[in-house]
Amino acid sequence: MLEKKIYFVVPTRSDIDECYEIFSSHSKAEAYMMRFNRNEGLRIVERVLDPEYITDRERSCYILEFRGVKSEKPWEFALVTNTKTSLAALEKETHIERNADGEIELFSMTLLAANKDEAIRLAKEARDAQRN
């Protein structure tokens, strides 16, 4: 499927919460930005219109990060609400950083789970499976 994109012109210091205009092409957004670029500066943010996404009514997307192999609770924990990260959850994307001895210092995982407790359990199991 061919993705349609839209282009937001926003202040450089802001996110899309403070959107000035929305355009159907990058060139139109750029022309507007060049005409109305104020002292504060503007930038263009590209987004996919009507993105395809995963719908799983039973599970939600979570990102968990553990510091070290002994931690029982995640150092960071977030419920994911965007398309790109939900695709990473489907793939059970992981990131591991090890110290010079090969021990895990940081383990992060994006996954689908029915609830917070299940997310923590699944991430800990995956982390523990990565031990030397």
Foldseek 3Di string as FASTA:
>chain_A
DDWFKKKFKAFPVDDCVGTDDIGRDPVVSVVVQVVPQDPRGIDIDMDTDPDDADDDPQWFKKKFKPAFLPDQHTPDIDTDDDRVLRVQQVVFDKDFDADPVRGTGMIMTIHIDRDDVRVSVVSSVVNVVPGD
